């Protein structure tokens, strides 16, 4: 078996299983009545599996996908129906893009919080300056003996 074929068989098997199986070894043997695939590994819950296919003459990649589905179904007792490749690819693209957008939103949120904190600091400073101006005006009025009770100002 070539490296490219081995990689394709393994990728198809694990992709079809959708994370439900961890593959340890793969084998493809040629026999007089066809080929056989052999897989060993573990289910997600840790249960081991070792499976040898019946002889077949078709595509080993298609057979690998069918074997992965059969192993999952046999283990869970539930008919396994993986998503078609186009839907799986779309789902992965959406997950990836959503992760990027969420990260960007977090960064914008942090920048917004920082900007608001900075604005609060500036406003606190402005209030302090206004207090100082009010205090200075009161000091000048007091020093000059000016009365600010609302009556007419002295001439």
Protein backbone atom coordinates (compact mmCIF):
# COMPACT_ATOMS: atom_id res chain seq x y z
CA UNK A 1 0.00 0.00 0.00
CA UNK A 2 1.41 3.42 -0.92
CA UNK A 3 1.71 6.18 1.65
CA UNK A 4 -0.86 8.26 -0.25
CA UNK A 5 -3.38 5.41 -0.27
CA UNK A 6 -2.73 4.65 3.41
CA UNK A 7 -3.26 8.34 4.25
CA UNK A 8 -6.49 8.46 2.21
CA UNK A 9 -7.84 5.30 3.86
CA UNK A 10 -7.01 6.57 7.37
CA UNK A 11 -8.43 10.04 6.66
CA UNK A 12 -11.65 8.58 5.27
CA UNK A 13 -12.03 6.15 8.19
CA UNK A 14 -11.45 8.79 10.90
CA UNK A 15 -13.46 11.43 9.02
CA UNK A 16 -16.43 9.09 8.65
CA UNK A 17 -16.24 8.19 12.35
CA UNK A 18 -16.47 11.87 13.24
CA UNK A 19 -14.33 11.66 16.37
CA UNK A 20 -16.04 8.54 17.69
CA UNK A 21 -13.04 6.31 16.90
CA UNK A 22 -9.29 6.67 17.48
CA UNK A 23 -7.36 4.71 14.89
CA UNK A 24 -4.15 2.94 15.93
CA UNK A 25 -3.27 0.81 12.89
CA UNK A 26 -4.44 0.24 9.34
CA UNK A 27 -3.64 -2.62 7.00
CA UNK A 28 -4.55 -3.50 3.43
CA UNK A 29 -3.71 -6.99 2.15
CA UNK A 30 -4.06 -8.46 -1.32
CA UNK A 31 -5.51 -11.96 -1.44
CA UNK A 32 -6.54 -14.29 -4.24
CA UNK A 33 -10.23 -13.33 -3.87
CA UNK A 34 -9.75 -9.59 -3.39
CA UNK A 35 -8.39 -7.26 -0.76
CA UNK A 36 -8.96 -6.99 2.97
CA UNK A 37 -8.77 -3.99 5.25
CA UNK A 38 -7.73 -4.30 8.87
CA UNK A 39 -8.26 -1.60 11.51
CA UNK A 40 -7.41 -1.48 15.20
CA UNK A 41 -8.07 1.31 17.64
CA UNK A 42 -10.38 2.56 20.36
CA UNK A 43 -13.88 3.90 20.68
CA UNK A 44 -14.32 7.29 22.33
CA UNK A 45 -15.22 5.53 25.61
CA UNK A 46 -11.93 3.56 25.56
CA UNK A 47 -13.32 0.23 24.30
CA UNK A 48 -10.84 -1.33 21.86
CA UNK A 49 -11.78 -2.60 18.41
CA UNK A 50 -10.01 -4.82 15.89
CA UNK A 51 -11.78 -5.44 12.59
CA UNK A 52 -10.84 -7.40 9.47
CA UNK A 53 -13.04 -6.92 6.42
CA UNK A 54 -14.38 -9.67 4.23
CA UNK A 55 -12.58 -9.81 0.88
CA UNK A 56 -13.71 -7.04 -1.47
CA UNK A 57 -12.84 -5.87 -4.98
CA UNK A 58 -14.04 -2.24 -4.92
CA UNK A 59 -12.43 0.90 -3.61
CA UNK A 60 -10.57 0.54 -0.29
CA UNK A 61 -11.48 4.14 0.51
CA UNK A 62 -15.20 3.47 0.17
CA UNK A 63 -14.79 0.25 2.14
CA UNK A 64 -12.96 2.14 4.92
CA UNK A 65 -15.87 4.57 5.23
CA UNK A 66 -18.38 1.72 5.42
CA UNK A 67 -16.29 -0.12 8.03
CA UNK A 68 -16.05 2.99 10.24
CA UNK A 69 -19.83 3.41 10.11
CA UNK A 70 -20.34 -0.31 10.85
CA UNK A 71 -17.96 -0.24 13.83
CA UNK A 72 -19.75 2.75 15.36
CA UNK A 73 -23.18 1.20 14.75
CA UNK A 74 -22.14 -2.14 16.25
CA UNK A 75 -20.73 -0.45 19.34
CA UNK A 76 -23.61 1.96 19.98
CA UNK A 77 -26.53 -0.04 18.62
CA UNK A 78 -27.67 3.09 16.78
CA UNK A 79 -27.62 3.37 13.00
CA UNK A 80 -24.72 5.66 12.16
CA UNK A 81 -25.39 8.28 9.53
CA UNK A 82 -22.44 10.63 9.03
CA UNK A 83 -23.10 14.00 7.47
CA UNK A 84 -22.27 14.24 3.79
CA UNK A 85 -18.80 15.64 3.15
CA UNK A 86 -20.15 18.94 1.83
CA UNK A 87 -22.19 19.49 5.01
CA UNK A 88 -19.30 18.44 7.24
CA UNK A 89 -17.01 20.85 5.39
CA UNK A 90 -19.55 23.65 5.71
CA UNK A 91 -19.97 22.95 9.41
CA UNK A 92 -16.20 23.05 9.94
CA UNK A 93 -15.94 26.31 7.98
CA UNK A 94 -18.73 27.85 10.05
CA UNK A 95 -17.15 26.70 13.33
CA UNK A 96 -13.81 28.13 12.26
CA UNK A 97 -15.29 31.47 11.17
CA UNK A 98 -17.43 31.68 14.32
CA UNK A 99 -14.31 31.16 16.43
CA UNK A 100 -12.57 34.00 14.56
CA UNK A 101 -15.56 36.33 14.94
CA UNK A 102 -15.94 35.51 18.63
CA UNK A 103 -12.25 36.25 19.21
CA UNK A 104 -12.60 39.56 17.36
CA UNK A 105 -15.71 40.46 19.40
CA UNK A 106 -13.79 39.73 22.62
CA UNK A 107 -10.94 41.99 21.48
CA UNK A 108 -13.37 44.80 20.59
CA UNK A 109 -15.09 44.38 23.95
CA UNK A 110 -11.77 44.71 25.77
CA UNK A 111 -10.89 47.83 23.73
CA UNK A 112 -14.34 49.32 24.44
CA UNK A 113 -13.93 48.73 28.18
CA UNK A 114 -10.51 50.34 28.08
CA UNK A 115 -11.85 53.36 26.17
CA UNK A 116 -14.75 53.80 28.64
CA UNK A 117 -12.34 53.53 31.58
CA UNK A 118 -10.13 56.16 29.94
CA UNK A 119 -13.15 58.45 29.35
CA UNK A 120 -14.15 58.09 33.01
CA UNK A 121 -10.61 59.08 34.03
CA UNK A 122 -10.75 62.17 31.77
CA UNK A 123 -14.17 63.15 33.16
CA UNK A 124 -12.91 62.70 36.73
CA UNK A 125 -10.03 65.05 35.87
CA UNK A 126 -12.44 67.58 34.33
CA UNK A 127 -14.62 67.50 37.46
CA UNK A 128 -11.49 68.08 39.55
CA UNK A 129 -10.52 71.10 37.43
CA UNK A 130 -14.05 72.54 37.72
CA UNK A 131 -13.95 72.06 41.51
CA UNK A 132 -10.60 73.85 41.61
CA UNK A 133 -11.98 76.75 39.50
CA UNK A 134 -15.07 77.01 41.74
CA UNK A 135 -12.84 77.01 44.84
CA UNK A 136 -10.55 79.64 43.30
CA UNK A 137 -13.54 81.85 42.41
CA UNK A 138 -14.87 81.51 45.95
CA UNK A 139 -11.43 82.45 47.34
CA UNK A 140 -11.26 85.55 45.09
CA UNK A 141 -14.79 86.60 46.08
CA UNK A 142 -13.95 86.13 49.72
CA UNK A 143 -10.68 88.05 49.41
CA UNK A 144 -12.41 90.95 47.69
CA UNK A 145 -15.31 90.89 50.14
CA UNK A 146 -17.82 90.37 47.41
CA UNK A 147 -21.26 89.15 48.37
CA UNK A 148 -22.92 86.73 46.00
CA UNK A 149 -26.32 86.50 47.65
CA UNK A 150 -28.10 87.49 44.46
CA UNK A 151 -28.39 91.21 45.23
CA UNK A 152 -27.00 93.96 43.05
CA UNK A 153 -23.25 93.97 42.79
CA UNK A 154 -21.40 96.88 44.43
CA UNK A 155 -20.01 99.55 42.20
